[in-house]
Amino acid sequence: MQPCRKDTDFGVVCNTNPQPLLLLDASYYSLFELCIKALSDLDRSR
């Protein structure tokens, strides 16, 4: 199975993760423990 890349709005990286998320990182190329995608059902036509 091929991994697929999804853009995450918020991600959680635990302190025990072997690939740390550094303070100034703009991108993270490892696995998050928790991924959150923000959705909106805002209808601008109303």
PDB file of N, CA and C in Angstrom:
ATOM      1  N   MET A   1       0.839  -1.169   0.000  1.00  0.00           N
ATOM      2  CA  MET A   1       0.000   0.000   0.000  1.00  0.00           C
ATOM      3  C   MET A   1       0.889   1.239   0.000  1.00  0.00           C
ATOM      4  N   GLN A   2       0.533   2.221  -0.804  1.00  0.00           N
ATOM      5  CA  GLN A   2       1.292   3.463  -0.895  1.00  0.00           C
ATOM      6  C   GLN A   2       0.804   4.454   0.146  1.00  0.00           C
ATOM      7  N   PRO A   3       1.727   5.116   0.864  1.00  0.00           N
ATOM      8  CA  PRO A   3       1.282   6.158   1.797  1.00  0.00           C
ATOM      9  C   PRO A   3       0.782   7.375   1.013  1.00  0.00           C
ATOM     10  N   CYS A   4      -0.193   8.041   1.560  1.00  0.00           N
ATOM     11  CA  CYS A   4      -0.663   9.255   0.910  1.00  0.00           C
ATOM     12  C   CYS A   4      -0.391  10.436   1.828  1.00  0.00           C
ATOM     13  N   ARG A   5      -0.107  11.559   1.236  1.00  0.00           N
ATOM     14  CA  ARG A   5       0.229  12.756   2.001  1.00  0.00           C
ATOM     15  C   ARG A   5      -1.021  13.610   2.147  1.00  0.00           C
ATOM     16  N   LYS A   6      -1.334  13.953   3.354  1.00  0.00           N
ATOM     17  CA  LYS A   6      -2.472  14.827   3.628  1.00  0.00           C
ATOM     18  C   LYS A   6      -1.960  16.045   4.388  1.00  0.00           C
ATOM     19  N   ASP A   7      -2.437  17.202   4.009  1.00  0.00           N
ATOM     20  CA  ASP A   7      -2.057  18.405   4.738  1.00  0.00           C
ATOM     21  C   ASP A   7      -2.866  18.479   6.021  1.00  0.00           C
ATOM     22  N   THR A   8      -2.175  18.719   7.105  1.00  0.00           N
ATOM     23  CA  THR A   8      -2.788  18.773   8.419  1.00  0.00           C
ATOM     24  C   THR A   8      -2.840  20.213   8.887  1.00  0.00           C
ATOM     25  N   ASP A   9      -3.966  20.613   9.479  1.00  0.00           N
ATOM     26  CA  ASP A   9      -4.065  21.956  10.031  1.00  0.00           C
ATOM     27  C   ASP A   9      -3.372  22.042  11.388  1.00  0.00           C
ATOM     28  N   PHE A  10      -3.526  21.009  12.202  1.00  0.00           N
ATOM     29  CA  PHE A  10      -2.884  20.934  13.505  1.00  0.00           C
ATOM     30  C   PHE A  10      -2.359  19.518  13.697  1.00  0.00           C
ATOM     31  N   GLY A  11      -1.184  19.402  14.279  1.00  0.00           N
ATOM     32  CA  GLY A  11      -0.629  18.084  14.545  1.00  0.00           C
ATOM     33  C   GLY A  11       0.024  18.043  15.908  1.00  0.00           C
ATOM     34  N   VAL A  12      -0.029  16.879  16.540  1.00  0.00           N
ATOM     35  CA  VAL A  12       0.568  16.684  17.854  1.00  0.00           C
ATOM     36  C   VAL A  12       1.744  15.726  17.712  1.00  0.00           C
ATOM     37  N   VAL A  13       2.895  16.142  18.234  1.00  0.00           N
ATOM     38  CA  VAL A  13       4.086  15.302  18.269  1.00  0.00           C
ATOM     39  C   VAL A  13       4.470  15.134  19.733  1.00  0.00           C
ATOM     40  N   CYS A  14       4.468  13.902  20.213  1.00  0.00           N
ATOM     41  CA  CYS A  14       4.818  13.631  21.609  1.00  0.00           C
ATOM     42  C   CYS A  14       6.327  13.779  21.830  1.00  0.00           C
ATOM     43  N   ASN A  15       6.700  14.010  23.069  1.00  0.00           N
ATOM     44  CA  ASN A  15       8.118  14.120  23.419  1.00  0.00           C
ATOM     45  C   ASN A  15       8.873  12.824  23.171  1.00  0.00           C
ATOM     46  N   THR A  16       8.169  11.710  23.152  1.00  0.00           N
ATOM     47  CA  THR A  16       8.810  10.407  22.939  1.00  0.00           C
ATOM     48  C   THR A  16       8.995  10.072  21.458  1.00  0.00           C
ATOM     49  N   ASN A  17       8.537  10.923  20.556  1.00  0.00           N
ATOM     50  CA  ASN A  17       8.688  10.691  19.124  1.00  0.00           C
ATOM     51  C   ASN A  17      10.173  10.755  18.770  1.00  0.00           C
ATOM     52  N   PRO A  18      10.695   9.766  18.007  1.00  0.00           N
ATOM     53  CA  PRO A  18      12.119   9.767  17.652  1.00  0.00           C
ATOM     54  C   PRO A  18      12.518  10.942  16.754  1.00  0.00           C
ATOM     55  N   GLN A  19      11.565  11.543  16.050  1.00  0.00           N
ATOM     56  CA  GLN A  19      11.852  12.709  15.217  1.00  0.00           C
ATOM     57  C   GLN A  19      11.192  13.926  15.879  1.00  0.00           C
ATOM     58  N   PRO A  20      11.951  14.725  16.626  1.00  0.00           N
ATOM     59  CA  PRO A  20      11.341  15.832  17.359  1.00  0.00           C
ATOM     60  C   PRO A  20      10.859  16.940  16.416  1.00  0.00           C
ATOM     61  N   LEU A  21       9.863  17.646  16.861  1.00  0.00           N
ATOM     62  CA  LEU A  21       9.385  18.840  16.164  1.00  0.00           C
ATOM     63  C   LEU A  21      10.075  20.025  16.829  1.00  0.00           C
ATOM     64  N   LEU A  22      10.932  20.687  16.081  1.00  0.00           N
ATOM     65  CA  LEU A  22      11.711  21.789  16.636  1.00  0.00           C
ATOM     66  C   LEU A  22      10.929  23.091  16.572  1.00  0.00           C
ATOM     67  N   LEU A  23      11.321  24.040  17.394  1.00  0.00           N
ATOM     68  CA  LEU A  23      10.592  25.288  17.561  1.00  0.00           C
ATOM     69  C   LEU A  23      10.407  26.045  16.248  1.00  0.00           C
ATOM     70  N   LEU A  24      11.403  26.094  15.402  1.00  0.00           N
ATOM     71  CA  LEU A  24      11.337  26.882  14.169  1.00  0.00           C
ATOM     72  C   LEU A  24      11.029  26.058  12.920  1.00  0.00           C
ATOM     73  N   ASP A  25      10.621  24.800  13.081  1.00  0.00           N
ATOM     74  CA  ASP A  25      10.277  23.954  11.930  1.00  0.00           C
ATOM     75  C   ASP A  25       9.028  24.475  11.231  1.00  0.00           C
ATOM     76  N   ALA A  26       9.117  24.689   9.923  1.00  0.00           N
ATOM     77  CA  ALA A  26       7.949  25.083   9.128  1.00  0.00           C
ATOM     78  C   ALA A  26       7.275  23.854   8.521  1.00  0.00           C
ATOM     79  N   SER A  27       8.017  22.753   8.396  1.00  0.00           N
ATOM     80  CA  SER A  27       7.490  21.492   7.863  1.00  0.00           C
ATOM     81  C   SER A  27       7.956  20.357   8.766  1.00  0.00           C
ATOM     82  N   TYR A  28       7.171  19.285   8.769  1.00  0.00           N
ATOM     83  CA  TYR A  28       7.508  18.113   9.578  1.00  0.00           C
ATOM     84  C   TYR A  28       7.353  16.884   8.704  1.00  0.00           C
ATOM     85  N   TYR A  29       8.444  16.150   8.514  1.00  0.00           N
ATOM     86  CA  TYR A  29       8.445  15.018   7.595  1.00  0.00           C
ATOM     87  C   TYR A  29       8.520  13.688   8.339  1.00  0.00           C
ATOM     88  N   SER A  30       7.683  13.525   9.330  1.00  0.00           N
ATOM     89  CA  SER A  30       7.592  12.266  10.062  1.00  0.00           C
ATOM     90  C   SER A  30       6.128  12.038  10.415  1.00  0.00           C
ATOM     91  N   LEU A  31       5.859  11.145  11.329  1.00  0.00           N
ATOM     92  CA  LEU A  31       4.480  10.831  11.687  1.00  0.00           C
ATOM     93  C   LEU A  31       4.032  11.615  12.913  1.00  0.00           C
ATOM     94  N   PHE A  32       2.847  12.199  12.821  1.00  0.00           N
ATOM     95  CA  PHE A  32       2.227  12.839  13.973  1.00  0.00           C
ATOM     96  C   PHE A  32       1.525  11.773  14.813  1.00  0.00           C
ATOM     97  N   GLU A  33       1.409  12.016  16.108  1.00  0.00           N
ATOM     98  CA  GLU A  33       0.625  11.130  16.963  1.00  0.00           C
ATOM     99  C   GLU A  33      -0.865  11.424  16.804  1.00  0.00           C
ATOM    100  N   LEU A  34      -1.186  12.672  16.510  1.00  0.00           N
ATOM    101  CA  LEU A  34      -2.576  13.075  16.321  1.00  0.00           C
ATOM    102  C   LEU A  34      -2.626  14.135  15.235  1.00  0.00           C
ATOM    103  N   CYS A  35      -3.491  13.948  14.240  1.00  0.00           N
ATOM    104  CA  CYS A  35      -3.677  14.930  13.163  1.00  0.00           C
ATOM    105  C   CYS A  35      -5.093  15.477  13.233  1.00  0.00           C
ATOM    106  N   ILE A  36      -5.208  16.780  13.068  1.00  0.00           N
ATOM    107  CA  ILE A  36      -6.512  17.436  13.113  1.00  0.00           C
ATOM    108  C   ILE A  36      -6.688  18.248  11.843  1.00  0.00           C
ATOM    109  N   LYS A  37      -7.772  18.013  11.158  1.00  0.00           N
ATOM    110  CA  LYS A  37      -8.111  18.759   9.952  1.00  0.00           C
ATOM    111  C   LYS A  37      -9.311  19.635  10.273  1.00  0.00           C
ATOM    112  N   ALA A  38      -9.176  20.927  10.094  1.00  0.00           N
ATOM    113  CA  ALA A  38     -10.265  21.857  10.374  1.00  0.00           C
ATOM    114  C   ALA A  38     -11.210  21.896   9.163  1.00  0.00           C
ATOM    115  N   LEU A  39     -12.483  21.735   9.426  1.00  0.00           N
ATOM    116  CA  LEU A  39     -13.503  21.771   8.372  1.00  0.00           C
ATOM    117  C   LEU A  39     -14.451  22.926   8.639  1.00  0.00           C
ATOM    118  N   SER A  40     -15.014  23.432   7.585  1.00  0.00           N
ATOM    119  CA  SER A  40     -15.980  24.514   7.733  1.00  0.00           C
ATOM    120  C   SER A  40     -17.149  24.253   6.808  1.00  0.00           C
ATOM    121  N   ASP A  41     -18.355  24.497   7.275  1.00  0.00           N
ATOM    122  CA  ASP A  41     -19.545  24.393   6.435  1.00  0.00           C
ATOM    123  C   ASP A  41     -20.147  25.776   6.216  1.00  0.00           C
ATOM    124  N   LEU A  42     -19.318  26.801   6.352  1.00  0.00           N
ATOM    125  CA  LEU A  42     -19.767  28.177   6.185  1.00  0.00           C
ATOM    126  C   LEU A  42     -20.211  28.397   4.745  1.00  0.00           C
ATOM    127  N   ASP A  43     -21.439  28.838   4.583  1.00  0.00           N
ATOM    128  CA  ASP A  43     -21.976  29.136   3.267  1.00  0.00           C
ATOM    129  C   ASP A  43     -21.974  30.653   3.092  1.00  0.00           C
ATOM    130  N   ARG A  44     -21.082  31.172   2.298  1.00  0.00           N
ATOM    131  CA  ARG A  44     -20.924  32.622   2.148  1.00  0.00           C
ATOM    132  C   ARG A  44     -22.042  33.253   1.326  1.00  0.00           C
ATOM    133  N   SER A  45     -22.889  32.450   0.705  1.00  0.00           N
ATOM    134  CA  SER A  45     -23.976  33.029  -0.098  1.00  0.00           C
ATOM    135  C   SER A  45     -25.143  33.488   0.770  1.00  0.00           C
ATOM    136  N   ARG A  46     -25.161  33.137   2.058  1.00  0.00           N
ATOM    137  CA  ARG A  46     -26.268  33.559   2.930  1.00  0.00           C
ATOM    138  C   ARG A  46     -25.996  34.898   3.535  1.00  0.00           C
TER     139      ARG A  46
END
